[in-house]
Structures are given as structure tokens and as C-alpha cells.
Amino acid sequence: MTAPPDKGPGDASAATAGPRPTAGTAPEAIKAIPVRHYGRYVSAAVVIVLLLLVVKAFAEADLTWGSVGSFFFNDQIMQGVKNTLVVSVLSMIMGLVLGIVLAVMRMSKNPVTNSVAWGYIWFFRGTPVYVQLLLWFNLALIFPVLNLGPIYKDEMTDVMTPFMAALLGLGLNEAAYMAEICRAGIQSVDEGQTEASQALGMTNGQNMRRIVLPQAMRVIVPPTGNEFINLLKTSALCAVVQYEEVLRKSQNIGNNSGAVVEMLFVATIWFLVITTVFSIGQFYLERHYARGSSRQLPATPWQRARQLVFTFSRGTGAGSGSGAGGAA
């Protein structure tokens, strides 16, 4: 009679582990308990209550809310919106072009051009836009006649119209800020790019247009969009030089109709609409220039909404499926 073979350590552990599950046996479902964020619920309830109180206060205010809707698309208001867009876009173009020139001058090794650019930025960044608008509008007190010799000669009061004062006041002030933004964007490009372009025989202008600026736009675009939105709101200060932008038009209608505060709400809503539209454009512009530096582009609002709906529907389906499995 032969003795049974000795069992190794592996056989002993297998014996103590019990019977192994067969291939057809399904694993036990994991009971996942969701985390309860009670702080979020409390904060959301507080915010909702505060919003309801604000809405209640506005609803009970002694204001004629019907005037807001009746004057929202008024011809004068629409003309003011148009004037606001015109002066803002032209001022931004002026500020961007002059800002690029000033940025190049600031980085120049020539002490004269560097000092001129530094002095310009120092003055326009150091004085309020409101004061600059008033100075441009009253420039006739310093220069009564604009005399350019045989080229042009006219009274300064005829040249410095409210539109011209608003354009110069906003555009030249914006150029000081755009100069610093453009300088930061240009300096963000590696110097090896410039050295490589010079080795290929490119001039400084070609290097700036074809090599440096396209790469610097990723750094320049985000703050430039913010500056333009800020410029849109700053254009309301042009009312002080009698430029007929949307705020001044609203004030004129309010003074004539007696609905002063209601017309301020009209101007406020229009500014919100304009800035929202340009904010969306800024998002897609930033997304366009991010293609060369990011592997995955940021999701658009439509893509985020679809992802949220898909996640919610998938979570609901998973919850119902696990419930059915537990019942089975």
C-alpha cells in the first residue's frame, strides 16, 4: 500500500481557500454608496433664497418696468448701440496697431525709441481715461488752429468732434496697455526661432510677421479679448464729451420721459448682451489659437451640454440596471 503524496504549500492554501468559483458564476455586485454633499445643498439653498429676495425687491420697486421693454429697441437706443460698437472697434484697432509698434520700440536696443515708448506708456497708464477724454475734447484751448502747413488747416473745434475725442481718448489709452500685452507675447517666443529665421535669410519684418507674431498670438489673444470687453464698458465714459453712445442716448430718453432709472437698466442690458456676444467670440478665438499647443482642445458650450446630458442619462441607466440586478 503506497503512501499518499506530500502536499506542497500551494496545495494547502488552495484547500483552505475553499471551492473556486466556476467560470459561469457572476461576481457579486458592488454596492456603491454616493457621497452626500450637504454643504453644497445648504449653499445652493442660501443662494436661491437671496436671489428670490433680490427679485422680490426689484418687483416691488417703484419703477415702470414696461418702459424697459418699450424702449429697448427704440431707434435712438439702437443708434447708440451702433455708435458704441463703432467707437469700441475702431479704438481697439488703433490700440492694437499702435501697441504692436510700441512693443517693438520697447524691445529696441535704440535708447531713443525705447525711451519714447516707455514715456508714452508711463503717461497713458498713469492718467485716468476720464481725464484724457476731457483733455482731448478741450484741446482747442491749447491749439486753437490745427495747422499742417499746405496740407491741412482748420479750426480745432471743427476737427475735435465728440467722435474724434472719444476715438483718440480710448484708442491712445488702449495702446499703452496693448503694448505691454504684445511685448509679453513676443518675448514668450523662444529666441531660437528668430535665430533660425535669420539663418534662412529673413528680414526682421518677415521674422515678426511670419514667425514671431503667429506664435505669440496664443499669449496675446486672451488678455486682448479681456481688454476689448473692458473697452466696451469704458466707452460709457464718452458721454462726458457728448458722444451719442448707448448710455447717453438712454440718459436723454430718461430725462425726457421721466423714466431715468428704467433707461439705465436698458443700457445695462445692452452692455450685457454686447459683452456676452464678444465673450463667446473670444472663447472660439482662443480655442483656434490653442490648436498648436494643446493636444485636447477645450470643449465648447454645446459639447459640455451634450456631455452633461450623456453623463446624467448614463448614470440614470446604471442606477436602474443595478436596482434590477439587486432585485433579481
Protein backbone atom coordinates (compact mmCIF):
# COMPACT_ATOMS: atom_id res chain seq x y z
CA MET A 1 0.00 0.00 0.00
CA THR A 2 1.54 3.26 -1.12
CA ALA A 3 1.51 6.45 1.00
CA PRO A 4 -0.32 9.49 -0.32
CA PRO A 5 1.90 12.09 -1.96
CA ASP A 6 3.05 15.03 0.14
CA LYS A 7 1.10 18.26 -0.34
CA GLY A 8 3.03 21.40 -1.04
CA PRO A 9 2.30 24.88 0.38
CA GLY A 10 0.29 25.80 -2.67
CA ASP A 11 -1.98 22.81 -2.23
CA ALA A 12 -2.55 23.66 1.42
CA SER A 13 -3.56 27.26 0.64
CA ALA A 14 -5.87 26.04 -2.10
CA ALA A 15 -7.50 23.63 0.29
CA THR A 16 -8.13 26.31 2.93
CA ALA A 17 -9.42 28.80 0.39
CA GLY A 18 -12.47 26.71 -0.31
CA PRO A 19 -14.00 25.85 -3.64
CA ARG A 20 -13.08 28.09 -6.53
CA PRO A 21 -15.89 29.89 -8.42
CA THR A 22 -16.69 28.41 -11.75
CA ALA A 23 -16.30 30.39 -14.95
CA GLY A 24 -20.03 30.96 -15.32
CA THR A 25 -20.53 32.48 -11.85
CA ALA A 26 -21.08 36.29 -11.95
CA PRO A 27 -19.12 38.38 -9.42
CA GLU A 28 -21.05 39.95 -6.60
CA ALA A 29 -22.29 43.44 -7.43
CA ILE A 30 -20.54 46.29 -5.64
CA LYS A 31 -22.89 48.38 -3.55
CA ALA A 32 -21.63 51.91 -4.22
CA ILE A 33 -22.93 54.49 -1.77
CA PRO A 34 -22.84 58.03 -3.23
CA VAL A 35 -21.18 60.74 -1.16
CA ARG A 36 -23.64 63.25 0.23
CA HIS A 37 -22.50 66.85 -0.23
CA TYR A 38 -24.72 68.52 2.33
CA GLY A 39 -22.68 71.71 2.24
CA ARG A 40 -23.49 72.15 -1.44
CA TYR A 41 -27.19 71.73 -0.79
CA VAL A 42 -27.14 74.31 2.00
CA SER A 43 -25.14 76.84 -0.03
CA ALA A 44 -27.43 76.34 -3.05
CA ALA A 45 -30.48 76.92 -0.86
CA VAL A 46 -28.95 80.11 0.55
CA VAL A 47 -28.16 81.42 -2.95
CA ILE A 48 -31.70 80.66 -4.16
CA VAL A 49 -33.22 82.46 -1.18
CA LEU A 50 -31.02 85.51 -1.76
CA LEU A 51 -31.93 85.58 -5.45
CA LEU A 52 -35.62 85.40 -4.59
CA LEU A 53 -35.22 88.30 -2.16
CA VAL A 54 -33.47 90.38 -4.83
CA VAL A 55 -36.17 89.57 -7.40
CA LYS A 56 -38.86 90.46 -4.85
CA ALA A 57 -37.17 93.80 -4.11
CA PHE A 58 -36.99 94.70 -7.81
CA ALA A 59 -40.58 93.59 -8.38
CA GLU A 60 -41.85 95.79 -5.55
CA ALA A 61 -39.72 98.80 -6.54
CA ASP A 62 -41.43 101.99 -7.66
CA LEU A 63 -40.33 101.54 -11.26
CA THR A 64 -42.21 101.30 -14.53
CA TRP A 65 -40.78 98.06 -15.88
CA GLY A 66 -42.88 98.33 -19.01
CA SER A 67 -40.68 101.24 -20.11
CA VAL A 68 -37.69 98.91 -20.28
CA GLY A 69 -39.35 96.69 -22.86
CA SER A 70 -40.95 99.52 -24.82
CA PHE A 71 -37.69 101.47 -25.22
CA PHE A 72 -35.33 98.50 -25.56
CA PHE A 73 -35.43 98.54 -29.38
CA ASN A 74 -36.07 102.26 -29.70
CA ASP A 75 -34.44 103.87 -32.75
CA GLN A 76 -32.33 106.18 -30.60
CA ILE A 77 -31.19 103.29 -28.41
CA MET A 78 -30.23 101.22 -31.45
CA GLN A 79 -28.29 104.18 -32.84
CA GLY A 80 -26.48 104.43 -29.51
CA VAL A 81 -25.63 100.72 -29.63
CA LYS A 82 -24.24 101.20 -33.13
CA ASN A 83 -22.14 104.18 -32.03
CA THR A 84 -20.82 102.20 -29.06
CA LEU A 85 -19.72 99.34 -31.31
CA VAL A 86 -18.13 101.68 -33.86
CA VAL A 87 -16.02 103.64 -31.38
CA SER A 88 -15.06 100.48 -29.47
CA VAL A 89 -13.95 98.50 -32.52
CA LEU A 90 -12.04 101.41 -34.06
CA SER A 91 -10.38 102.25 -30.74
CA MET A 92 -9.34 98.62 -30.31
CA ILE A 93 -7.86 98.50 -33.81
CA MET A 94 -5.95 101.71 -33.12
CA GLY A 95 -4.76 100.42 -29.77
CA LEU A 96 -3.67 97.06 -31.21
CA VAL A 97 -1.72 98.51 -34.14
CA LEU A 98 -0.07 101.22 -32.07
CA GLY A 99 0.51 98.73 -29.24
CA ILE A 100 2.48 96.40 -31.52
CA VAL A 101 4.62 99.34 -32.67
CA LEU A 102 5.23 100.45 -29.08
CA ALA A 103 6.08 96.89 -28.04
CA VAL A 104 8.72 96.64 -30.76
CA MET A 105 10.07 100.06 -29.75
CA ARG A 106 10.24 98.97 -26.09
CA MET A 107 12.36 95.96 -27.05
CA SER A 108 14.61 98.00 -29.32
CA LYS A 109 18.25 98.49 -28.39
CA ASN A 110 17.98 102.10 -29.56
CA PRO A 111 17.73 104.20 -26.37
CA VAL A 112 15.73 106.93 -28.13
CA THR A 113 12.91 104.71 -29.37
CA ASN A 114 12.95 102.74 -26.13
CA SER A 115 12.62 105.91 -24.05
CA VAL A 116 9.84 107.33 -26.25
CA ALA A 117 7.82 104.13 -25.93
CA TRP A 118 8.42 103.98 -22.17
CA GLY A 119 7.32 107.62 -21.74
CA TYR A 120 4.16 107.06 -23.77
CA ILE A 121 3.19 104.00 -21.73
CA TRP A 122 4.03 105.79 -18.48
CA PHE A 123 1.78 108.77 -19.27
CA PHE A 124 -1.28 106.99 -20.63
CA ARG A 125 -1.25 104.26 -18.00
CA GLY A 126 -0.78 106.80 -15.24
CA THR A 127 -3.72 109.09 -16.06
CA PRO A 128 -7.45 108.24 -15.93
CA VAL A 129 -9.35 107.73 -19.18
CA TYR A 130 -11.95 110.24 -17.99
CA VAL A 131 -9.31 112.98 -17.74
CA GLN A 132 -7.83 112.06 -21.12
CA LEU A 133 -11.24 112.36 -22.78
CA LEU A 134 -11.75 115.82 -21.30
CA LEU A 135 -8.28 116.93 -22.40
CA TRP A 136 -8.87 115.82 -25.98
CA PHE A 137 -12.30 117.43 -26.09
CA ASN A 138 -10.89 120.77 -24.85
CA LEU A 139 -7.73 120.66 -26.96
CA ALA A 140 -8.86 123.85 -28.74
CA LEU A 141 -7.92 125.82 -25.62
CA ILE A 142 -4.28 124.86 -26.24
CA PHE A 143 -4.22 124.63 -30.04
CA PRO A 144 -6.98 126.87 -31.45
CA VAL A 145 -6.00 126.03 -35.04
CA LEU A 146 -4.76 122.76 -36.48
CA ASN A 147 -2.15 123.94 -38.96
CA LEU A 148 -0.29 121.32 -41.00
CA GLY A 149 1.09 123.83 -43.47
CA PRO A 150 -0.03 123.45 -47.07
CA ILE A 151 -1.54 120.03 -46.32
CA TYR A 152 -4.36 120.92 -43.95
CA LYS A 153 -5.54 123.85 -41.83
CA ASP A 154 -8.76 124.12 -39.85
CA GLU A 155 -10.21 125.23 -36.53
CA MET A 156 -9.57 122.72 -33.77
CA THR A 157 -13.21 122.92 -32.68
CA ASP A 158 -14.23 121.62 -36.10
CA VAL A 159 -11.66 118.83 -36.04
CA MET A 160 -12.08 117.65 -32.46
CA THR A 161 -15.67 116.42 -32.70
CA PRO A 162 -17.18 114.25 -29.93
CA PHE A 163 -16.45 111.16 -32.03
CA MET A 164 -12.82 112.16 -32.61
CA ALA A 165 -12.30 112.96 -28.94
CA ALA A 166 -13.80 109.61 -27.94
CA LEU A 167 -11.72 107.72 -30.52
CA LEU A 168 -8.43 109.34 -29.51
CA GLY A 169 -9.17 109.13 -25.81
CA LEU A 170 -9.99 105.41 -25.89
CA GLY A 171 -7.60 104.32 -28.65
CA LEU A 172 -4.44 106.02 -27.42
CA ASN A 173 -5.07 104.90 -23.86
CA GLU A 174 -5.66 101.32 -25.00
CA ALA A 175 -2.40 101.35 -26.96
CA ALA A 176 -0.42 101.70 -23.73
CA TYR A 177 -1.91 98.52 -22.31
CA MET A 178 -1.74 96.62 -25.59
CA ALA A 179 1.95 97.49 -25.84
CA GLU A 180 2.68 95.59 -22.63
CA ILE A 181 0.48 92.68 -23.69
CA CYS A 182 2.15 92.43 -27.10
CA ARG A 183 5.61 92.75 -25.57
CA ALA A 184 4.88 89.86 -23.21
CA GLY A 185 3.58 87.77 -26.11
CA ILE A 186 6.59 88.49 -28.31
CA GLN A 187 9.03 87.72 -25.52
CA SER A 188 7.28 84.39 -24.90
CA VAL A 189 8.58 83.11 -28.27
CA ASP A 190 11.94 81.40 -27.96
CA GLU A 191 14.87 83.39 -29.34
CA GLY A 192 15.96 80.35 -31.30
CA GLN A 193 13.01 80.96 -33.63
CA THR A 194 14.41 84.37 -34.54
CA GLU A 195 17.92 83.00 -34.97
CA ALA A 196 16.61 80.26 -37.28
CA SER A 197 14.68 82.76 -39.40
CA GLN A 198 17.75 84.97 -39.71
CA ALA A 199 19.76 81.94 -40.78
CA LEU A 200 17.20 81.43 -43.56
CA GLY A 201 17.76 84.99 -44.75
CA MET A 202 14.54 86.56 -43.44
CA THR A 203 14.46 90.23 -42.59
CA ASN A 204 13.32 91.49 -39.19
CA GLY A 205 9.92 92.41 -40.61
CA GLN A 206 9.43 88.99 -42.20
CA ASN A 207 10.52 87.29 -38.99
CA MET A 208 8.00 89.31 -36.99
CA ARG A 209 5.10 88.71 -39.40
CA ARG A 210 5.70 85.05 -40.27
CA ILE A 211 7.45 83.55 -37.25
CA VAL A 212 7.05 85.54 -34.04
CA LEU A 213 3.54 87.01 -34.15
CA PRO A 214 1.71 83.79 -35.16
CA GLN A 215 3.25 82.01 -32.16
CA ALA A 216 2.78 84.98 -29.83
CA MET A 217 -0.94 85.14 -30.58
CA ARG A 218 -1.59 82.30 -28.10
CA VAL A 219 -0.34 84.60 -25.35
CA ILE A 220 -1.75 87.83 -26.78
CA VAL A 221 -5.34 86.78 -27.56
CA PRO A 222 -6.73 86.06 -24.05
CA PRO A 223 -5.75 89.40 -22.44
CA THR A 224 -6.64 91.23 -25.66
CA GLY A 225 -10.17 89.84 -25.50
CA ASN A 226 -10.46 90.97 -21.91
CA GLU A 227 -9.16 94.42 -22.84
CA PHE A 228 -11.74 94.75 -25.61
CA ILE A 229 -14.60 93.81 -23.30
CA ASN A 230 -13.30 96.32 -20.78
CA LEU A 231 -13.06 98.90 -23.57
CA LEU A 232 -16.71 98.30 -24.47
CA LYS A 233 -17.74 99.19 -20.94
CA THR A 234 -15.31 102.11 -20.74
CA SER A 235 -16.95 103.61 -23.83
CA ALA A 236 -19.76 104.72 -21.50
CA LEU A 237 -17.38 107.46 -20.30
CA CYS A 238 -17.59 109.02 -23.75
CA ALA A 239 -20.89 110.55 -22.68
CA VAL A 240 -18.81 113.23 -20.94
CA VAL A 241 -17.63 114.52 -24.35
CA GLN A 242 -21.21 114.44 -25.71
CA TYR A 243 -20.64 111.37 -27.86
CA GLU A 244 -24.02 109.76 -28.52
CA GLU A 245 -23.30 106.23 -27.34
CA VAL A 246 -25.89 103.95 -25.74
CA LEU A 247 -25.60 105.37 -22.22
CA ARG A 248 -26.01 108.98 -23.33
CA LYS A 249 -28.95 108.03 -25.55
CA SER A 250 -30.56 106.25 -22.60
CA GLN A 251 -29.99 109.26 -20.36
CA ASN A 252 -31.55 111.59 -22.91
CA ILE A 253 -34.66 109.42 -23.20
CA GLY A 254 -34.84 109.05 -19.43
CA ASN A 255 -34.65 112.80 -18.84
CA ASN A 256 -37.39 113.46 -21.39
CA SER A 257 -39.73 110.65 -20.30
CA GLY A 258 -39.09 110.70 -16.57
CA ALA A 259 -38.02 107.03 -16.57
CA VAL A 260 -34.42 107.75 -15.62
CA VAL A 261 -33.63 104.55 -13.74
CA GLU A 262 -35.54 102.42 -16.23
CA MET A 263 -33.38 103.72 -19.06
CA LEU A 264 -30.27 102.89 -17.06
CA PHE A 265 -31.48 99.30 -16.96
CA VAL A 266 -31.92 99.42 -20.74
CA ALA A 267 -28.29 100.50 -21.16
CA THR A 268 -27.17 97.85 -18.65
CA ILE A 269 -28.93 95.05 -20.51
CA TRP A 270 -27.50 96.17 -23.84
CA PHE A 271 -23.97 96.20 -22.41
CA LEU A 272 -24.54 92.69 -21.06
CA VAL A 273 -25.75 91.49 -24.47
CA ILE A 274 -22.80 93.02 -26.33
CA THR A 275 -20.15 91.75 -23.91
CA THR A 276 -21.70 88.27 -23.91
CA VAL A 277 -21.55 88.05 -27.70
CA PHE A 278 -17.92 89.14 -27.81
CA SER A 279 -17.03 86.84 -24.90
CA ILE A 280 -18.30 83.88 -26.94
CA GLY A 281 -16.23 85.06 -29.90
CA GLN A 282 -13.19 85.37 -27.62
CA PHE A 283 -13.66 81.76 -26.47
CA TYR A 284 -13.64 80.39 -30.01
CA LEU A 285 -10.69 82.59 -30.98
CA GLU A 286 -8.66 81.31 -28.04
CA ARG A 287 -9.69 77.77 -28.95
CA HIS A 288 -8.45 78.33 -32.51
CA TYR A 289 -5.00 79.51 -31.45
CA ALA A 290 -4.71 76.73 -28.84
CA ARG A 291 -4.59 74.06 -31.56
CA GLY A 292 -0.82 74.20 -31.87
CA SER A 293 -0.05 73.99 -28.15
CA SER A 294 -2.73 71.72 -26.69
CA ARG A 295 -3.38 68.08 -27.52
CA GLN A 296 -7.00 68.33 -26.48
CA LEU A 297 -8.95 71.50 -27.23
CA PRO A 298 -11.31 72.86 -24.56
CA ALA A 299 -14.88 71.72 -25.01
CA THR A 300 -17.36 74.17 -26.49
CA PRO A 301 -20.50 75.08 -24.52
CA TRP A 302 -22.56 72.83 -26.80
CA GLN A 303 -20.16 69.92 -26.23
CA ARG A 304 -20.28 70.47 -22.47
CA ALA A 305 -24.09 70.43 -22.52
CA ARG A 306 -24.12 67.19 -24.54
CA GLN A 307 -21.58 65.61 -22.19
CA LEU A 308 -23.64 66.62 -19.16
CA VAL A 309 -26.81 65.14 -20.64
CA PHE A 310 -24.98 61.95 -21.64
CA THR A 311 -23.43 61.57 -18.18
CA PHE A 312 -26.79 62.10 -16.49
CA SER A 313 -28.58 59.62 -18.74
CA ARG A 314 -25.82 57.03 -18.33
CA GLY A 315 -25.90 57.43 -14.55
CA THR A 316 -29.67 57.03 -14.52
CA GLY A 317 -29.45 53.92 -16.67
CA ALA A 318 -26.72 52.42 -14.50
CA GLY A 319 -28.75 53.10 -11.36
CA SER A 320 -31.86 51.42 -12.76
CA GLY A 321 -29.77 48.50 -14.04
CA SER A 322 -28.13 47.90 -10.66
CA GLY A 323 -31.52 48.12 -8.98
CA ALA A 324 -32.90 45.49 -11.31
CA GLY A 325 -29.87 43.27 -10.71
CA GLY A 326 -30.28 43.60 -6.93
CA ALA A 327 -33.97 42.71 -7.18
CA ALA A 328 -33.09 39.66 -9.24
